Amino acid sequence: MRKPNYGEAALDFAQLKAQMRRDKFPQYAAFCALAVARCEQALGRTNQEVAQYTDAGWWAACTLCVVLAQGSPALAWRRASVAVR
């Protein structure tokens, strides 16, 4: 079995991350950034790996902000159960 081409995989995930960013799916952009970081780790590119982990954290924070701003059913249920007490 041959080794995977991590450089090509990193490029594909980076392109997918850009598409998810354009389409306003920050949670999927974060997952793609994590995938790119893992590829960079396999290639031994520490600086790029750290940059992708940082980017993934930023997109995850964006997701949390969107959820808090829009309100999710789970948060609405939690607010209702706290209000009842």
PDB file of N, CA and C in Angstrom:
ATOM      1  N   MET A   1       0.852  -1.175   0.000  1.00  0.00           N
ATOM      2  CA  MET A   1       0.000   0.000   0.000  1.00  0.00           C
ATOM      3  C   MET A   1       0.898   1.238   0.000  1.00  0.00           C
ATOM      4  N   ARG A   2       0.583   2.182  -0.862  1.00  0.00           N
ATOM      5  CA  ARG A   2       1.419   3.379  -0.949  1.00  0.00           C
ATOM      6  C   ARG A   2       0.948   4.463   0.020  1.00  0.00           C
ATOM      7  N   LYS A   3       1.858   5.388   0.312  1.00  0.00           N
ATOM      8  CA  LYS A   3       1.556   6.473   1.243  1.00  0.00           C
ATOM      9  C   LYS A   3       0.620   7.488   0.595  1.00  0.00           C
ATOM     10  N   PRO A   4      -0.256   8.079   1.388  1.00  0.00           N
ATOM     11  CA  PRO A   4      -1.154   9.104   0.832  1.00  0.00           C
ATOM     12  C   PRO A   4      -0.376  10.362   0.446  1.00  0.00           C
ATOM     13  N   ASN A   5      -0.899  11.085  -0.506  1.00  0.00           N
ATOM     14  CA  ASN A   5      -0.302  12.344  -0.937  1.00  0.00           C
ATOM     15  C   ASN A   5      -0.878  13.456  -0.059  1.00  0.00           C
ATOM     16  N   TYR A   6      -0.171  13.758   1.023  1.00  0.00           N
ATOM     17  CA  TYR A   6      -0.672  14.742   1.993  1.00  0.00           C
ATOM     18  C   TYR A   6      -0.727  16.149   1.413  1.00  0.00           C
ATOM     19  N   GLY A   7       0.207  16.470   0.523  1.00  0.00           N
ATOM     20  CA  GLY A   7       0.200  17.801  -0.089  1.00  0.00           C
ATOM     21  C   GLY A   7      -1.056  18.035  -0.909  1.00  0.00           C
ATOM     22  N   GLU A   8      -1.429  17.038  -1.698  1.00  0.00           N
ATOM     23  CA  GLU A   8      -2.638  17.146  -2.508  1.00  0.00           C
ATOM     24  C   GLU A   8      -3.884  17.183  -1.623  1.00  0.00           C
ATOM     25  N   ALA A   9      -3.904  16.366  -0.572  1.00  0.00           N
ATOM     26  CA  ALA A   9      -5.050  16.352   0.342  1.00  0.00           C
ATOM     27  C   ALA A   9      -5.182  17.700   1.044  1.00  0.00           C
ATOM     28  N   ALA A  10      -4.068  18.284   1.462  1.00  0.00           N
ATOM     29  CA  ALA A  10      -4.106  19.594   2.123  1.00  0.00           C
ATOM     30  C   ALA A  10      -4.682  20.650   1.189  1.00  0.00           C
ATOM     31  N   LEU A  11      -4.261  20.597  -0.076  1.00  0.00           N
ATOM     32  CA  LEU A  11      -4.777  21.560  -1.057  1.00  0.00           C
ATOM     33  C   LEU A  11      -6.272  21.372  -1.273  1.00  0.00           C
ATOM     34  N   ASP A  12      -6.717  20.124  -1.387  1.00  0.00           N
ATOM     35  CA  ASP A  12      -8.150  19.856  -1.582  1.00  0.00           C
ATOM     36  C   ASP A  12      -8.978  20.335  -0.393  1.00  0.00           C
ATOM     37  N   PHE A  13      -8.499  20.057   0.829  1.00  0.00           N
ATOM     38  CA  PHE A  13      -9.227  20.503   2.021  1.00  0.00           C
ATOM     39  C   PHE A  13      -9.212  22.029   2.138  1.00  0.00           C
ATOM     40  N   ALA A  14      -8.117  22.659   1.736  1.00  0.00           N
ATOM     41  CA  ALA A  14      -8.051  24.128   1.781  1.00  0.00           C
ATOM     42  C   ALA A  14      -9.057  24.737   0.803  1.00  0.00           C
ATOM     43  N   GLN A  15      -9.197  24.129  -0.371  1.00  0.00           N
ATOM     44  CA  GLN A  15     -10.186  24.617  -1.334  1.00  0.00           C
ATOM     45  C   GLN A  15     -11.606  24.422  -0.809  1.00  0.00           C
ATOM     46  N   LEU A  16     -11.842  23.292  -0.182  1.00  0.00           N
ATOM     47  CA  LEU A  16     -13.160  23.038   0.401  1.00  0.00           C
ATOM     48  C   LEU A  16     -13.443  24.011   1.540  1.00  0.00           C
ATOM     49  N   LYS A  17     -12.416  24.315   2.338  1.00  0.00           N
ATOM     50  CA  LYS A  17     -12.570  25.290   3.432  1.00  0.00           C
ATOM     51  C   LYS A  17     -12.963  26.659   2.875  1.00  0.00           C
ATOM     52  N   ALA A  18     -12.317  27.062   1.791  1.00  0.00           N
ATOM     53  CA  ALA A  18     -12.645  28.355   1.177  1.00  0.00           C
ATOM     54  C   ALA A  18     -14.082  28.364   0.666  1.00  0.00           C
ATOM     55  N   GLN A  19     -14.518  27.262   0.097  1.00  0.00           N
ATOM     56  CA  GLN A  19     -15.903  27.176  -0.387  1.00  0.00           C
ATOM     57  C   GLN A  19     -16.888  27.237   0.775  1.00  0.00           C
ATOM     58  N   MET A  20     -16.584  26.539   1.863  1.00  0.00           N
ATOM     59  CA  MET A  20     -17.470  26.565   3.032  1.00  0.00           C
ATOM     60  C   MET A  20     -17.518  27.962   3.639  1.00  0.00           C
ATOM     61  N   ARG A  21     -16.394  28.645   3.597  1.00  0.00           N
ATOM     62  CA  ARG A  21     -16.342  30.021   4.106  1.00  0.00           C
ATOM     63  C   ARG A  21     -17.227  30.925   3.253  1.00  0.00           C
ATOM     64  N   ARG A  22     -17.122  30.792   1.927  1.00  0.00           N
ATOM     65  CA  ARG A  22     -17.945  31.604   1.022  1.00  0.00           C
ATOM     66  C   ARG A  22     -19.431  31.302   1.187  1.00  0.00           C
ATOM     67  N   ASP A  23     -19.754  30.027   1.414  1.00  0.00           N
ATOM     68  CA  ASP A  23     -21.152  29.617   1.546  1.00  0.00           C
ATOM     69  C   ASP A  23     -21.705  29.824   2.952  1.00  0.00           C
ATOM     70  N   LYS A  24     -20.890  30.408   3.824  1.00  0.00           N
ATOM     71  CA  LYS A  24     -21.290  30.745   5.192  1.00  0.00           C
ATOM     72  C   LYS A  24     -21.647  29.512   6.039  1.00  0.00           C
ATOM     73  N   PHE A  25     -20.755  28.517   5.994  1.00  0.00           N
ATOM     74  CA  PHE A  25     -20.850  27.338   6.853  1.00  0.00           C
ATOM     75  C   PHE A  25     -19.589  27.275   7.717  1.00  0.00           C
ATOM     76  N   PRO A  26     -19.506  28.127   8.751  1.00  0.00           N
ATOM     77  CA  PRO A  26     -18.261  28.203   9.525  1.00  0.00           C
ATOM     78  C   PRO A  26     -17.892  26.900  10.226  1.00  0.00           C
ATOM     79  N   GLN A  27     -18.887  26.104  10.635  1.00  0.00           N
ATOM     80  CA  GLN A  27     -18.562  24.863  11.320  1.00  0.00           C
ATOM     81  C   GLN A  27     -17.842  23.892  10.384  1.00  0.00           C
ATOM     82  N   TYR A  28     -18.230  23.857   9.120  1.00  0.00           N
ATOM     83  CA  TYR A  28     -17.571  22.978   8.159  1.00  0.00           C
ATOM     84  C   TYR A  28     -16.213  23.540   7.741  1.00  0.00           C
ATOM     85  N   ALA A  29     -16.098  24.858   7.704  1.00  0.00           N
ATOM     86  CA  ALA A  29     -14.796  25.479   7.436  1.00  0.00           C
ATOM     87  C   ALA A  29     -13.806  25.113   8.537  1.00  0.00           C
ATOM     88  N   ALA A  30     -14.300  25.057   9.778  1.00  0.00           N
ATOM     89  CA  ALA A  30     -13.434  24.666  10.898  1.00  0.00           C
ATOM     90  C   ALA A  30     -12.972  23.222  10.757  1.00  0.00           C
ATOM     91  N   PHE A  31     -13.870  22.324  10.377  1.00  0.00           N
ATOM     92  CA  PHE A  31     -13.481  20.925  10.174  1.00  0.00           C
ATOM     93  C   PHE A  31     -12.446  20.795   9.060  1.00  0.00           C
ATOM     94  N   CYS A  32     -12.624  21.558   7.996  1.00  0.00           N
ATOM     95  CA  CYS A  32     -11.664  21.516   6.891  1.00  0.00           C
ATOM     96  C   CYS A  32     -10.306  22.047   7.331  1.00  0.00           C
ATOM     97  N   ALA A  33     -10.302  23.104   8.143  1.00  0.00           N
ATOM     98  CA  ALA A  33      -9.039  23.643   8.653  1.00  0.00           C
ATOM     99  C   ALA A  33      -8.327  22.605   9.517  1.00  0.00           C
ATOM    100  N   LEU A  34      -9.088  21.839  10.306  1.00  0.00           N
ATOM    101  CA  LEU A  34      -8.478  20.763  11.095  1.00  0.00           C
ATOM    102  C   LEU A  34      -7.866  19.700  10.192  1.00  0.00           C
ATOM    103  N   ALA A  35      -8.550  19.370   9.105  1.00  0.00           N
ATOM    104  CA  ALA A  35      -8.025  18.377   8.173  1.00  0.00           C
ATOM    105  C   ALA A  35      -6.741  18.876   7.512  1.00  0.00           C
ATOM    106  N   VAL A  36      -6.708  20.149   7.140  1.00  0.00           N
ATOM    107  CA  VAL A  36      -5.496  20.715   6.548  1.00  0.00           C
ATOM    108  C   VAL A  36      -4.358  20.675   7.571  1.00  0.00           C
ATOM    109  N   ALA A  37      -4.667  20.996   8.812  1.00  0.00           N
ATOM    110  CA  ALA A  37      -3.638  20.978   9.864  1.00  0.00           C
ATOM    111  C   ALA A  37      -3.050  19.580  10.039  1.00  0.00           C
ATOM    112  N   ARG A  38      -3.889  18.560   9.990  1.00  0.00           N
ATOM    113  CA  ARG A  38      -3.389  17.187  10.117  1.00  0.00           C
ATOM    114  C   ARG A  38      -2.480  16.815   8.939  1.00  0.00           C
ATOM    115  N   CYS A  39      -2.836  17.268   7.752  1.00  0.00           N
ATOM    116  CA  CYS A  39      -1.981  17.019   6.583  1.00  0.00           C
ATOM    117  C   CYS A  39      -0.642  17.744   6.737  1.00  0.00           C
ATOM    118  N   GLU A  40      -0.706  18.974   7.189  1.00  0.00           N
ATOM    119  CA  GLU A  40       0.533  19.740   7.392  1.00  0.00           C
ATOM    120  C   GLU A  40       1.405  19.078   8.459  1.00  0.00           C
ATOM    121  N   GLN A  41       0.783  18.518   9.480  1.00  0.00           N
ATOM    122  CA  GLN A  41       1.530  17.806  10.516  1.00  0.00           C
ATOM    123  C   GLN A  41       2.260  16.609   9.910  1.00  0.00           C
ATOM    124  N   ALA A  42       1.583  15.869   9.061  1.00  0.00           N
ATOM    125  CA  ALA A  42       2.187  14.698   8.422  1.00  0.00           C
ATOM    126  C   ALA A  42       3.357  15.102   7.518  1.00  0.00           C
ATOM    127  N   LEU A  43       3.275  16.295   6.948  1.00  0.00           N
ATOM    128  CA  LEU A  43       4.348  16.786   6.084  1.00  0.00           C
ATOM    129  C   LEU A  43       5.479  17.449   6.864  1.00  0.00           C
ATOM    130  N   GLY A  44       5.279  17.649   8.168  1.00  0.00           N
ATOM    131  CA  GLY A  44       6.302  18.267   9.004  1.00  0.00           C
ATOM    132  C   GLY A  44       6.370  19.776   8.883  1.00  0.00           C
ATOM    133  N   ARG A  45       5.311  20.379   8.418  1.00  0.00           N
ATOM    134  CA  ARG A  45       5.253  21.846   8.277  1.00  0.00           C
ATOM    135  C   ARG A  45       4.587  22.441   9.511  1.00  0.00           C
ATOM    136  N   THR A  46       5.367  22.643  10.538  1.00  0.00           N
ATOM    137  CA  THR A  46       4.838  23.062  11.837  1.00  0.00           C
ATOM    138  C   THR A  46       4.152  24.423  11.775  1.00  0.00           C
ATOM    139  N   ASN A  47       4.751  25.380  11.082  1.00  0.00           N
ATOM    140  CA  ASN A  47       4.162  26.728  11.028  1.00  0.00           C
ATOM    141  C   ASN A  47       2.787  26.721  10.380  1.00  0.00           C
ATOM    142  N   GLN A  48       2.665  25.996   9.259  1.00  0.00           N
ATOM    143  CA  GLN A  48       1.377  25.922   8.583  1.00  0.00           C
ATOM    144  C   GLN A  48       0.365  25.146   9.411  1.00  0.00           C
ATOM    145  N   GLU A  49       0.839  24.130  10.118  1.00  0.00           N
ATOM    146  CA  GLU A  49      -0.053  23.352  10.990  1.00  0.00           C
ATOM    147  C   GLU A  49      -0.664  24.246  12.064  1.00  0.00           C
ATOM    148  N   VAL A  50       0.184  25.026  12.722  1.00  0.00           N
ATOM    149  CA  VAL A  50      -0.295  25.928  13.780  1.00  0.00           C
ATOM    150  C   VAL A  50      -1.258  26.962  13.213  1.00  0.00           C
ATOM    151  N   ALA A  51      -0.949  27.487  12.032  1.00  0.00           N
ATOM    152  CA  ALA A  51      -1.836  28.478  11.408  1.00  0.00           C
ATOM    153  C   ALA A  51      -3.213  27.882  11.128  1.00  0.00           C
ATOM    154  N   GLN A  52      -3.259  26.637  10.691  1.00  0.00           N
ATOM    155  CA  GLN A  52      -4.540  25.996  10.400  1.00  0.00           C
ATOM    156  C   GLN A  52      -5.318  25.686  11.679  1.00  0.00           C
ATOM    157  N   TYR A  53      -4.621  25.271  12.744  1.00  0.00           N
ATOM    158  CA  TYR A  53      -5.310  25.050  14.022  1.00  0.00           C
ATOM    159  C   TYR A  53      -5.893  26.363  14.542  1.00  0.00           C
ATOM    160  N   THR A  54      -5.152  27.451  14.376  1.00  0.00           N
ATOM    161  CA  THR A  54      -5.650  28.765  14.794  1.00  0.00           C
ATOM    162  C   THR A  54      -6.876  29.152  13.968  1.00  0.00           C
ATOM    163  N   ASP A  55      -6.807  28.922  12.668  1.00  0.00           N
ATOM    164  CA  ASP A  55      -7.938  29.220  11.782  1.00  0.00           C
ATOM    165  C   ASP A  55      -9.157  28.380  12.170  1.00  0.00           C
ATOM    166  N   ALA A  56      -8.935  27.114  12.480  1.00  0.00           N
ATOM    167  CA  ALA A  56     -10.045  26.236  12.891  1.00  0.00           C
ATOM    168  C   ALA A  56     -10.704  26.762  14.159  1.00  0.00           C
ATOM    169  N   GLY A  57      -9.904  27.230  15.104  1.00  0.00           N
ATOM    170  CA  GLY A  57     -10.456  27.792  16.339  1.00  0.00           C
ATOM    171  C   GLY A  57     -11.269  29.041  16.078  1.00  0.00           C
ATOM    172  N   TRP A  58     -10.806  29.867  15.142  1.00  0.00           N
ATOM    173  CA  TRP A  58     -11.537  31.083  14.814  1.00  0.00           C
ATOM    174  C   TRP A  58     -12.884  30.730  14.192  1.00  0.00           C
ATOM    175  N   TRP A  59     -12.901  29.762  13.267  1.00  0.00           N
ATOM    176  CA  TRP A  59     -14.166  29.374  12.632  1.00  0.00           C
ATOM    177  C   TRP A  59     -15.101  28.696  13.624  1.00  0.00           C
ATOM    178  N   ALA A  60     -14.544  27.946  14.569  1.00  0.00           N
ATOM    179  CA  ALA A  60     -15.388  27.337  15.604  1.00  0.00           C
ATOM    180  C   ALA A  60     -16.021  28.425  16.468  1.00  0.00           C
ATOM    181  N   ALA A  61     -15.265  29.472  16.778  1.00  0.00           N
ATOM    182  CA  ALA A  61     -15.814  30.587  17.554  1.00  0.00           C
ATOM    183  C   ALA A  61     -16.918  31.296  16.773  1.00  0.00           C
ATOM    184  N   CYS A  62     -16.746  31.428  15.460  1.00  0.00           N
ATOM    185  CA  CYS A  62     -17.795  32.024  14.623  1.00  0.00           C
ATOM    186  C   CYS A  62     -19.068  31.197  14.690  1.00  0.00           C
ATOM    187  N   THR A  63     -18.912  29.889  14.668  1.00  0.00           N
ATOM    188  CA  THR A  63     -20.068  29.001  14.753  1.00  0.00           C
ATOM    189  C   THR A  63     -20.804  29.218  16.061  1.00  0.00           C
ATOM    190  N   LEU A  64     -20.063  29.308  17.145  1.00  0.00           N
ATOM    191  CA  LEU A  64     -20.671  29.525  18.456  1.00  0.00           C
ATOM    192  C   LEU A  64     -21.414  30.859  18.488  1.00  0.00           C
ATOM    193  N   CYS A  65     -20.822  31.892  17.895  1.00  0.00           N
ATOM    194  CA  CYS A  65     -21.483  33.198  17.864  1.00  0.00           C
ATOM    195  C   CYS A  65     -22.784  33.137  17.076  1.00  0.00           C
ATOM    196  N   VAL A  66     -22.774  32.420  15.960  1.00  0.00           N
ATOM    197  CA  VAL A  66     -23.991  32.287  15.149  1.00  0.00           C
ATOM    198  C   VAL A  66     -25.073  31.557  15.934  1.00  0.00           C
ATOM    199  N   VAL A  67     -24.700  30.492  16.600  1.00  0.00           N
ATOM    200  CA  VAL A  67     -25.668  29.718  17.385  1.00  0.00           C
ATOM    201  C   VAL A  67     -26.250  30.578  18.498  1.00  0.00           C
ATOM    202  N   LEU A  68     -25.404  31.318  19.176  1.00  0.00           N
ATOM    203  CA  LEU A  68     -25.889  32.166  20.270  1.00  0.00           C
ATOM    204  C   LEU A  68     -26.761  33.306  19.746  1.00  0.00           C
ATOM    205  N   ALA A  69     -26.408  33.857  18.592  1.00  0.00           N
ATOM    206  CA  ALA A  69     -27.181  34.964  18.038  1.00  0.00           C
ATOM    207  C   ALA A  69     -28.547  34.509  17.529  1.00  0.00           C
ATOM    208  N   GLN A  70     -28.568  33.360  16.875  1.00  0.00           N
ATOM    209  CA  GLN A  70     -29.824  32.869  16.308  1.00  0.00           C
ATOM    210  C   GLN A  70     -30.656  32.126  17.331  1.00  0.00           C
ATOM    211  N   GLY A  71     -30.001  31.556  18.297  1.00  0.00           N
ATOM    212  CA  GLY A  71     -30.702  30.753  19.287  1.00  0.00           C
ATOM    213  C   GLY A  71     -31.007  29.375  18.716  1.00  0.00           C
ATOM    214  N   SER A  72     -30.570  28.370  19.407  1.00  0.00           N
ATOM    215  CA  SER A  72     -30.831  27.003  18.956  1.00  0.00           C
ATOM    216  C   SER A  72     -31.935  26.410  19.815  1.00  0.00           C
ATOM    217  N   PRO A  73     -32.583  25.349  19.350  1.00  0.00           N
ATOM    218  CA  PRO A  73     -33.622  24.712  20.166  1.00  0.00           C
ATOM    219  C   PRO A  73     -33.097  24.257  21.525  1.00  0.00           C
ATOM    220  N   ALA A  74     -31.861  23.790  21.556  1.00  0.00           N
ATOM    221  CA  ALA A  74     -31.294  23.345  22.832  1.00  0.00           C
ATOM    222  C   ALA A  74     -31.147  24.514  23.797  1.00  0.00           C
ATOM    223  N   LEU A  75     -30.706  25.667  23.284  1.00  0.00           N
ATOM    224  CA  LEU A  75     -30.571  26.842  24.142  1.00  0.00           C
ATOM    225  C   LEU A  75     -31.943  27.354  24.575  1.00  0.00           C
ATOM    226  N   ALA A  76     -32.907  27.319  23.678  1.00  0.00           N
ATOM    227  CA  ALA A  76     -34.253  27.764  24.041  1.00  0.00           C
ATOM    228  C   ALA A  76     -34.828  26.863  25.134  1.00  0.00           C
ATOM    229  N   TRP A  77     -34.618  25.558  25.025  1.00  0.00           N
ATOM    230  CA  TRP A  77     -35.089  24.634  26.047  1.00  0.00           C
ATOM    231  C   TRP A  77     -34.402  24.930  27.377  1.00  0.00           C
ATOM    232  N   ARG A  78     -33.099  25.194  27.327  1.00  0.00           N
ATOM    233  CA  ARG A  78     -32.339  25.487  28.552  1.00  0.00           C
ATOM    234  C   ARG A  78     -32.848  26.772  29.200  1.00  0.00           C
ATOM    235  N   ARG A  79     -33.099  27.803  28.398  1.00  0.00           N
ATOM    236  CA  ARG A  79     -33.608  29.060  28.954  1.00  0.00           C
ATOM    237  C   ARG A  79     -34.973  28.854  29.586  1.00  0.00           C
ATOM    238  N   ALA A  80     -35.819  28.057  28.950  1.00  0.00           N
ATOM    239  CA  ALA A  80     -37.150  27.798  29.471  1.00  0.00           C
ATOM    240  C   ALA A  80     -37.084  27.017  30.774  1.00  0.00           C
ATOM    241  N   SER A  81     -36.189  26.039  30.859  1.00  0.00           N
ATOM    242  CA  SER A  81     -36.105  25.233  32.077  1.00  0.00           C
ATOM    243  C   SER A  81     -35.523  26.056  33.233  1.00  0.00           C
ATOM    244  N   VAL A  82     -34.640  27.008  32.937  1.00  0.00           N
ATOM    245  CA  VAL A  82     -34.096  27.864  33.982  1.00  0.00           C
ATOM    246  C   VAL A  82     -35.160  28.852  34.456  1.00  0.00           C
ATOM    247  N   ALA A  83     -35.973  29.370  33.516  1.00  0.00           N
ATOM    248  CA  ALA A  83     -37.009  30.338  33.855  1.00  0.00           C
ATOM    249  C   ALA A  83     -38.088  29.718  34.744  1.00  0.00           C
ATOM    250  N   VAL A  84     -38.335  28.432  34.592  1.00  0.00           N
ATOM    251  CA  VAL A  84     -39.367  27.760  35.361  1.00  0.00           C
ATOM    252  C   VAL A  84     -38.970  27.650  36.827  1.00  0.00           C
ATOM    253  N   ARG A  85     -37.698  27.497  37.073  1.00  0.00           N
ATOM    254  CA  ARG A  85     -37.216  27.322  38.446  1.00  0.00           C
ATOM    255  C   ARG A  85     -37.384  28.540  39.210  1.00  0.00           C
TER     256      ARG A  85
END
